[in-house]
Amino acid sequence: MSSLTWPGDHRAGALMSDGALLDAMTHAEDRWLYVLTEHGVAPSYRSLRNLLSEDDIAVIATQAESGGNPVIPLVDILRARLRAAGDEDAARWVHRGLTSQDIMDTALMLTARDAVTSTRSELTVQIRRVSSLADHYRHAPMAARTLTRAAVPTTFGLKAATWLHGLVDAAEVLAALTFPVQMGGAAGTLSGVVELAGQARARGCRADFPVSLGLQPAAPWHTHRTAVTRLADAVTCASDAWGRIANDVLALGRSEIGELSEGTGGASSTMPHKANPTLSVLIRRAALSAPPLAATLHTAAAEQVDERADGAWHVEWQTLQTLLRRTVVAARQSTALLSGLRVDTAAMSARLVQVDDEVHSEQRSLAALAGHEPAETYLGLVDDLIDEAITRAQPYSEEPS
């Protein structure tokens, strides 16, 4: 996939695409038919995975309007294809006992899991890189800035350590996510499955369905949307961390500062001398767009009603698809940015000399209060703070054995 309005979209490949979602919906229907057959409820199982093609996406998308979701035309097509193949038994039992939301939510969890897995992989690479930066530049002096002004001396190693904490925060939040199956039937009572199978076999089907998909078992969450909002919050945390790094690269890469720069700058359409910080700009764009998308998902969660919601559920699909796809793009762009990042320690040192009076004013006043001459350096516990960040990142920084 690619998008003219979201440069870099191709970096996400098929993740969270319509094709991936259709494949996940079909996979969920396939595993449910398999479970029904295994428990002696349905008389015949036939794999559904090769019954569709990319050409079906446009047909299903168009027909989805009549019922309000793409599962309804998907089921119709699957049944028709099974009948055309002479498998009437399998056709009759496809989707029985479930509702559209069961398949749609389950498919979104399957595709979201893939997107999160990719994002976590990128974060691991980034944590290793930034740990190295923090250690390598622990003694590279520069001016710390607060409210855009020079404040006190610091080192680039400590700045990188601050980035590192944000990346580890994101890695921890993403690692804690669960991806629950959705299985509740028409109104979250599982009455359809019990009617088909009886209580004992219905319990067996319910237990085996998430296992067959590699998802977590869960109570029906048709109008309890924590799984979605936690996911949105977690990926927004990652975008926040990348945005913070991109902002530093943009600010410190200004022509009049020149302390950081991208390895390969982007081109300008009119000024051949420019090497624009394109990756940083695009990462910042993603960081600015993520919170509103997450807010939409929280609004949808707050607007749930009855046992199945009218519109609040429907608004989640493309919002989540967009948020996760953009997250993967930003993750891969951030890896590229950090891999090629250039640090100009000479420019940092020169700027620190220029603002020497400003950055040591606090030191002089505190030394006077304490009744002694200012120390030779004013870097506090920078080494300790860097070591703490690197130690915290260690589980993510170690190469797999």
Protein backbone atom coordinates (compact mmCIF):
# COMPACT_ATOMS: atom_id res chain seq x y z
CA MET A 1 0.00 0.00 0.00
CA SER A 2 0.95 3.63 -0.32
CA SER A 3 -0.68 6.99 0.23
CA LEU A 4 -0.14 10.34 -1.44
CA THR A 5 -1.32 12.11 1.70
CA TRP A 6 0.78 10.11 4.20
CA PRO A 7 4.35 9.93 2.85
CA GLY A 8 6.04 6.79 4.12
CA ASP A 9 2.84 4.74 4.30
CA HIS A 10 4.50 2.06 2.19
CA ARG A 11 6.75 1.25 5.17
CA ALA A 12 3.80 -0.48 6.84
CA GLY A 13 3.41 -2.92 3.96
CA ALA A 14 0.21 -4.96 4.34
CA LEU A 15 -0.10 -4.40 8.10
CA MET A 16 -3.57 -3.14 9.05
CA SER A 17 -4.54 -3.02 5.37
CA ASP A 18 -7.98 -3.98 4.09
CA GLY A 19 -6.47 -7.15 2.71
CA ALA A 20 -4.99 -8.07 6.08
CA LEU A 21 -8.32 -7.41 7.78
CA LEU A 22 -10.23 -9.52 5.27
CA ASP A 23 -7.73 -12.33 5.71
CA ALA A 24 -8.10 -12.11 9.50
CA MET A 25 -11.90 -12.16 9.29
CA THR A 26 -11.74 -15.23 7.06
CA HIS A 27 -9.27 -16.86 9.44
CA ALA A 28 -11.63 -16.24 12.38
CA GLU A 29 -14.56 -17.75 10.46
CA ASP A 30 -12.38 -20.71 9.47
CA ARG A 31 -11.27 -21.41 13.04
CA TRP A 32 -14.83 -21.15 14.33
CA LEU A 33 -16.08 -23.67 11.75
CA TYR A 34 -13.16 -25.92 12.69
CA VAL A 35 -14.01 -25.70 16.41
CA LEU A 36 -17.68 -26.46 15.76
CA THR A 37 -16.64 -29.54 13.77
CA GLU A 38 -14.11 -30.70 16.37
CA HIS A 39 -16.79 -30.61 19.06
CA GLY A 40 -19.28 -32.51 16.93
CA VAL A 41 -21.61 -29.55 16.43
CA ALA A 42 -21.09 -28.97 12.70
CA PRO A 43 -21.03 -32.04 10.46
CA SER A 44 -18.27 -30.94 8.09
CA TYR A 45 -15.18 -28.74 8.12
CA ARG A 46 -13.66 -27.25 5.01
CA SER A 47 -10.85 -24.68 5.01
CA LEU A 48 -12.07 -21.20 4.16
CA ARG A 49 -8.64 -19.63 3.71
CA ASN A 50 -8.35 -20.01 -0.08
CA LEU A 51 -11.91 -19.13 -1.03
CA LEU A 52 -11.30 -15.39 -1.46
CA SER A 53 -9.05 -13.20 -3.58
CA GLU A 54 -8.02 -9.54 -3.56
CA ASP A 55 -10.80 -8.86 -6.05
CA ASP A 56 -13.32 -9.63 -3.33
CA ILE A 57 -12.21 -6.66 -1.21
CA ALA A 58 -13.94 -4.08 -3.39
CA VAL A 59 -17.11 -6.20 -3.62
CA ILE A 60 -17.31 -6.72 0.13
CA ALA A 61 -16.54 -3.05 0.81
CA THR A 62 -19.40 -1.96 -1.46
CA GLN A 63 -21.88 -4.50 -0.12
CA ALA A 64 -20.96 -3.69 3.50
CA GLU A 65 -23.07 -0.55 3.39
CA SER A 66 -26.36 -2.42 3.30
CA GLY A 67 -25.75 -4.18 6.62
CA GLY A 68 -23.34 -1.68 8.12
CA ASN A 69 -20.32 -3.97 8.35
CA PRO A 70 -18.15 -6.12 6.05
CA VAL A 71 -18.76 -9.41 7.86
CA ILE A 72 -22.25 -9.85 6.40
CA PRO A 73 -21.17 -9.87 2.73
CA LEU A 74 -18.08 -11.90 3.66
CA VAL A 75 -20.25 -14.65 5.12
CA ASP A 76 -22.53 -14.55 2.08
CA ILE A 77 -19.57 -15.00 -0.26
CA LEU A 78 -18.04 -17.81 1.81
CA ARG A 79 -21.31 -19.71 1.84
CA ALA A 80 -21.78 -19.23 -1.89
CA ARG A 81 -18.25 -20.44 -2.65
CA LEU A 82 -18.68 -23.51 -0.45
CA ARG A 83 -21.93 -24.37 -2.16
CA ALA A 84 -20.31 -23.91 -5.56
CA ALA A 85 -17.65 -26.38 -4.43
CA GLY A 86 -20.37 -28.88 -3.48
CA ASP A 87 -19.95 -28.55 0.31
CA GLU A 88 -23.46 -27.71 1.47
CA ASP A 89 -22.83 -28.88 5.05
CA ALA A 90 -19.93 -26.49 5.59
CA ALA A 91 -21.87 -23.67 3.88
CA ARG A 92 -24.81 -24.09 6.27
CA TRP A 93 -22.61 -23.94 9.36
CA VAL A 94 -20.30 -21.02 8.52
CA HIS A 95 -20.65 -18.27 11.17
CA ARG A 96 -23.39 -20.09 13.09
CA GLY A 97 -23.54 -19.08 16.76
CA LEU A 98 -21.53 -15.89 16.27
CA THR A 99 -22.45 -12.34 15.33
CA SER A 100 -20.75 -9.85 13.04
CA GLN A 101 -19.08 -8.07 15.93
CA ASP A 102 -17.46 -11.30 17.10
CA ILE A 103 -15.68 -11.68 13.78
CA MET A 104 -14.89 -7.99 13.27
CA ASP A 105 -13.43 -7.46 16.76
CA THR A 106 -11.49 -10.72 16.64
CA ALA A 107 -10.04 -9.83 13.24
CA LEU A 108 -9.02 -6.39 14.47
CA MET A 109 -7.21 -7.98 17.42
CA LEU A 110 -5.40 -10.36 15.06
CA THR A 111 -4.24 -7.55 12.77
CA ALA A 112 -3.44 -5.26 15.70
CA ARG A 113 -1.26 -7.96 17.23
CA ASP A 114 0.79 -8.10 14.03
CA ALA A 115 1.19 -4.31 14.00
CA VAL A 116 2.23 -4.25 17.65
CA THR A 117 4.71 -7.10 17.11
CA SER A 118 6.34 -5.09 14.33
CA THR A 119 6.42 -1.95 16.46
CA ARG A 120 8.00 -3.77 19.40
CA SER A 121 10.71 -5.09 17.09
CA GLU A 122 11.54 -1.56 15.97
CA LEU A 123 11.60 -0.34 19.55
CA THR A 124 14.13 -3.02 20.47
CA VAL A 125 16.46 -1.80 17.70
CA GLN A 126 15.95 1.80 18.80
CA ILE A 127 16.65 1.03 22.46
CA ARG A 128 19.93 -0.62 21.53
CA ARG A 129 20.93 2.35 19.40
CA VAL A 130 20.01 4.99 21.97
CA SER A 131 21.70 3.03 24.78
CA SER A 132 24.86 3.17 22.70
CA LEU A 133 24.43 6.91 22.11
CA ALA A 134 23.91 7.56 25.83
CA ASP A 135 27.05 5.68 26.76
CA HIS A 136 29.24 6.95 23.93
CA TYR A 137 28.34 10.62 24.47
CA ARG A 138 28.09 10.58 28.27
CA HIS A 139 30.94 13.12 28.49
CA ALA A 140 30.02 15.24 25.44
CA PRO A 141 29.11 18.63 26.98
CA MET A 142 26.28 20.76 25.68
CA ALA A 143 23.86 23.38 26.93
CA ALA A 144 20.63 22.15 28.47
CA ARG A 145 17.70 24.30 27.39
CA THR A 146 14.53 25.02 29.31
CA LEU A 147 11.66 27.03 27.83
CA THR A 148 13.86 27.45 24.73
CA ARG A 149 16.67 29.19 26.64
CA ALA A 150 20.10 27.97 27.75
CA ALA A 151 19.82 26.77 31.35
CA VAL A 152 22.71 24.70 32.76
CA PRO A 153 25.42 22.45 31.32
CA THR A 154 24.52 18.88 30.48
CA THR A 155 25.85 16.19 28.15
CA PHE A 156 24.39 14.71 25.02
CA GLY A 157 24.64 11.35 26.75
CA LEU A 158 22.06 12.48 29.30
CA LYS A 159 19.78 13.79 26.56
CA ALA A 160 19.97 10.38 24.91
CA ALA A 161 19.28 8.75 28.28
CA THR A 162 16.10 10.80 28.51
CA TRP A 163 15.07 9.56 25.06
CA LEU A 164 15.88 6.06 26.26
CA HIS A 165 13.44 6.22 29.16
CA GLY A 166 10.65 7.19 26.77
CA LEU A 167 11.43 4.29 24.46
CA VAL A 168 11.57 1.79 27.33
CA ASP A 169 8.29 3.16 28.69
CA ALA A 170 6.71 2.48 25.30
CA ALA A 171 8.25 -1.00 25.07
CA GLU A 172 6.91 -1.91 28.51
CA VAL A 173 3.40 -0.66 27.76
CA LEU A 174 3.27 -2.52 24.46
CA ALA A 175 4.60 -5.71 26.07
CA ALA A 176 1.77 -5.60 28.62
CA LEU A 177 -0.97 -5.57 25.97
CA THR A 178 -3.32 -8.53 25.56
CA PHE A 179 -5.31 -9.36 22.46
CA PRO A 180 -8.62 -10.92 23.50
CA VAL A 181 -10.92 -12.95 21.34
CA GLN A 182 -14.46 -11.65 20.90
CA MET A 183 -17.16 -14.29 21.29
CA GLY A 184 -20.57 -13.38 22.59
CA GLY A 185 -23.19 -14.00 19.95
CA ALA A 186 -26.00 -11.59 19.23
CA ALA A 187 -26.10 -9.87 22.64
CA GLY A 188 -23.16 -11.26 24.58
CA THR A 189 -25.03 -14.19 26.15
CA LEU A 190 -23.64 -17.00 23.95
CA SER A 191 -27.20 -18.26 23.68
CA GLY A 192 -26.81 -19.13 20.00
CA VAL A 193 -23.90 -21.48 20.67
CA VAL A 194 -25.74 -23.14 23.54
CA GLU A 195 -28.82 -23.62 21.34
CA LEU A 196 -26.68 -25.28 18.69
CA ALA A 197 -24.40 -27.33 20.92
CA GLY A 198 -25.79 -27.57 24.43
CA GLN A 199 -24.03 -26.07 27.43
CA ALA A 200 -21.21 -28.60 27.77
CA ARG A 201 -20.09 -28.46 24.15
CA ALA A 202 -20.67 -24.69 24.04
CA ARG A 203 -18.18 -24.34 26.88
CA GLY A 204 -15.70 -26.46 24.96
CA CYS A 205 -16.14 -24.37 21.81
CA ARG A 206 -15.69 -21.21 23.82
CA ALA A 207 -12.46 -22.49 25.36
CA ASP A 208 -10.97 -23.72 22.10
CA PHE A 209 -11.79 -20.76 19.85
CA PRO A 210 -9.17 -18.33 21.27
CA VAL A 211 -6.58 -21.11 21.46
CA SER A 212 -7.02 -21.87 17.76
CA LEU A 213 -6.40 -18.19 16.98
CA GLY A 214 -3.59 -17.57 19.43
CA LEU A 215 -5.65 -14.92 21.22
CA GLN A 216 -6.50 -14.53 24.89
CA PRO A 217 -9.81 -15.91 26.19
CA ALA A 218 -12.17 -13.20 27.39
CA ALA A 219 -15.71 -12.48 28.44
CA PRO A 220 -17.73 -10.86 25.66
CA TRP A 221 -16.63 -7.22 25.38
CA HIS A 222 -19.09 -5.93 22.82
CA THR A 223 -19.70 -2.71 24.77
CA HIS A 224 -16.70 -2.88 27.11
CA ARG A 225 -13.93 -1.46 24.94
CA THR A 226 -10.88 -1.51 27.20
CA ALA A 227 -9.04 -3.79 24.77
CA VAL A 228 -9.26 -1.06 22.14
CA THR A 229 -8.50 1.95 24.33
CA ARG A 230 -5.51 0.24 26.00
CA LEU A 231 -4.14 -0.52 22.57
CA ALA A 232 -4.64 3.09 21.47
CA ASP A 233 -2.98 4.42 24.61
CA ALA A 234 0.00 2.08 24.22
CA VAL A 235 0.80 3.01 20.64
CA THR A 236 0.26 6.69 21.42
CA CYS A 237 2.85 6.32 24.19
CA ALA A 238 5.28 5.09 21.55
CA SER A 239 4.43 7.95 19.19
CA ASP A 240 4.97 10.39 22.07
CA ALA A 241 8.47 8.99 22.63
CA TRP A 242 9.36 9.23 18.93
CA GLY A 243 7.88 12.72 18.68
CA ARG A 244 10.02 13.89 21.58
CA ILE A 245 13.17 12.63 19.82
CA ALA A 246 12.13 14.15 16.50
CA ASN A 247 11.48 17.51 18.17
CA ASP A 248 14.99 17.54 19.60
CA VAL A 249 16.48 16.71 16.22
CA LEU A 250 14.43 19.47 14.60
CA ALA A 251 15.29 22.06 17.24
CA LEU A 252 18.98 21.21 17.52
CA GLY A 253 19.33 20.77 13.78
CA ARG A 254 18.36 24.34 12.92
CA SER A 255 20.93 26.07 10.74
CA GLU A 256 21.95 28.45 13.52
CA ILE A 257 22.45 25.59 16.02
CA GLY A 258 23.64 22.55 14.02
CA GLU A 259 24.21 20.20 16.94
CA LEU A 260 22.22 17.28 15.49
CA SER A 261 21.35 16.30 11.95
CA GLU A 262 19.77 13.46 10.03
CA GLY A 263 22.08 11.08 8.24
CA THR A 264 20.43 11.76 4.89
CA GLY A 265 18.34 14.88 4.64
CA GLY A 266 15.35 15.22 2.38
CA ALA A 267 15.36 17.30 -0.77
CA SER A 268 13.72 20.65 -1.42
CA SER A 269 11.73 21.24 -4.61
CA THR A 270 13.26 24.71 -5.13
CA MET A 271 16.41 25.04 -3.00
CA PRO A 272 19.14 22.57 -3.97
CA HIS A 273 21.35 23.53 -1.01
CA LYS A 274 18.82 22.32 1.56
CA ALA A 275 18.91 18.95 3.31
CA ASN A 276 15.58 18.98 5.08
CA PRO A 277 15.08 16.90 8.25
CA THR A 278 12.33 14.98 6.52
CA LEU A 279 12.24 11.92 8.77
CA SER A 280 11.93 14.09 11.87
CA VAL A 281 9.15 16.11 10.27
CA LEU A 282 7.20 12.96 9.36
CA ILE A 283 7.72 11.41 12.80
CA ARG A 284 6.51 14.61 14.45
CA ARG A 285 3.47 14.52 12.14
CA ALA A 286 2.60 11.04 13.40
CA ALA A 287 3.06 12.08 17.02
CA LEU A 288 0.70 15.02 16.52
CA SER A 289 -1.96 12.85 14.87
CA ALA A 290 -1.96 9.91 17.30
CA PRO A 291 -3.60 11.53 20.36
CA PRO A 292 -6.72 12.72 18.47
CA LEU A 293 -7.18 9.24 17.01
CA ALA A 294 -6.84 7.72 20.49
CA ALA A 295 -9.31 10.30 21.78
CA THR A 296 -11.82 9.18 19.16
CA LEU A 297 -11.50 5.61 20.43
CA HIS A 298 -12.00 6.74 24.03
CA THR A 299 -15.05 8.75 22.97
CA ALA A 300 -16.41 5.65 21.24
CA ALA A 301 -15.83 3.62 24.41
CA ALA A 302 -17.71 6.19 26.48
CA GLU A 303 -20.59 6.21 23.98
CA GLN A 304 -21.24 2.46 24.14
CA VAL A 305 -24.84 1.57 24.94
CA ASP A 306 -27.03 -1.50 25.45
CA GLU A 307 -25.43 -4.83 24.52
CA ARG A 308 -24.29 -3.74 21.05
CA ALA A 309 -23.63 -0.11 20.17
CA ASP A 310 -25.05 1.95 17.32
CA GLY A 311 -22.22 3.86 15.66
CA ALA A 312 -19.76 3.97 18.55
CA TRP A 313 -18.50 0.53 17.56
CA HIS A 314 -18.45 1.35 13.86
CA VAL A 315 -16.26 4.45 14.25
CA GLU A 316 -13.49 2.34 15.80
CA TRP A 317 -12.55 0.31 12.73
CA GLN A 318 -10.92 2.84 10.45
CA THR A 319 -9.71 4.91 13.42
CA LEU A 320 -7.80 1.95 14.83
CA GLN A 321 -6.62 0.90 11.38
CA THR A 322 -5.24 4.39 10.72
CA LEU A 323 -3.67 4.76 14.16
CA LEU A 324 -1.87 1.42 14.04
CA ARG A 325 -0.73 1.75 10.46
CA ARG A 326 0.69 5.19 11.17
CA THR A 327 2.37 3.81 14.28
CA VAL A 328 4.21 1.18 12.26
CA VAL A 329 5.30 3.81 9.75
CA ALA A 330 6.56 6.13 12.51
CA ALA A 331 8.32 3.22 14.22
CA ARG A 332 10.27 2.35 11.09
CA GLN A 333 11.03 5.99 10.33
CA SER A 334 12.29 6.47 13.89
CA THR A 335 14.63 3.50 13.52
CA ALA A 336 15.99 5.04 10.32
CA LEU A 337 16.39 8.44 12.01
CA LEU A 338 18.27 7.06 14.99
CA SER A 339 20.43 4.76 12.87
CA GLY A 340 21.73 7.66 10.81
CA LEU A 341 21.70 10.40 13.46
CA ARG A 342 24.75 12.68 13.35
CA VAL A 343 25.98 14.30 16.55
CA ASP A 344 28.22 17.36 16.21
CA THR A 345 30.03 17.52 19.54
CA ALA A 346 32.16 20.45 18.35
CA ALA A 347 29.05 22.55 17.74
CA MET A 348 27.70 21.54 21.15
CA SER A 349 30.91 22.57 22.91
CA ALA A 350 31.12 25.85 21.00
CA ARG A 351 27.55 26.80 21.88
CA LEU A 352 28.18 25.94 25.52
CA VAL A 353 31.13 28.35 25.56
CA GLN A 354 28.98 31.07 23.99
CA VAL A 355 26.38 30.82 26.77
CA ASP A 356 28.87 30.18 29.58
CA ASP A 357 27.63 33.07 31.71
CA GLU A 358 24.00 31.95 31.46
CA VAL A 359 24.55 28.27 32.15
CA HIS A 360 26.69 28.86 35.23
CA SER A 361 24.62 31.56 36.92
CA GLU A 362 22.71 29.02 39.03
CA GLN A 363 25.97 27.36 40.06
CA ARG A 364 27.49 30.64 41.18
CA SER A 365 24.48 31.61 43.29
CA LEU A 366 24.26 28.19 44.95
CA ALA A 367 28.01 28.07 45.62
CA ALA A 368 27.77 31.50 47.24
CA LEU A 369 24.88 30.31 49.38
CA ALA A 370 26.89 27.26 50.44
CA GLY A 371 29.94 29.42 51.15
CA HIS A 372 32.44 27.91 48.73
CA GLU A 373 33.88 28.54 45.28
CA PRO A 374 32.01 27.00 42.31
CA ALA A 375 33.18 23.48 41.41
CA GLU A 376 35.15 22.93 38.24
CA THR A 377 32.18 21.25 36.56
CA TYR A 378 28.44 21.62 37.03
CA LEU A 379 27.08 18.33 35.76
CA GLY A 380 25.52 16.95 38.91
CA LEU A 381 24.85 13.22 38.79
CA VAL A 382 24.86 12.94 35.01
CA ASP A 383 26.86 9.69 35.00
CA ASP A 384 24.53 8.09 37.53
CA LEU A 385 21.46 9.10 35.55
CA ILE A 386 22.90 7.74 32.31
CA ASP A 387 23.84 4.46 34.01
CA GLU A 388 20.33 4.12 35.43
CA ALA A 389 18.78 4.56 31.99
CA ILE A 390 21.16 2.08 30.36
CA THR A 391 20.56 -0.46 33.13
CA ARG A 392 16.81 -0.09 32.74
CA ALA A 393 17.16 -0.68 29.01
CA GLN A 394 19.40 -3.73 29.42
CA PRO A 395 16.66 -6.38 28.95
CA TYR A 396 15.85 -4.84 25.56
CA SER A 397 19.45 -4.12 24.62
CA GLU A 398 20.88 -7.62 24.86
CA GLU A 399 21.25 -9.52 21.63
CA PRO A 400 19.26 -12.78 21.62
CA SER A 401 21.40 -15.85 22.27
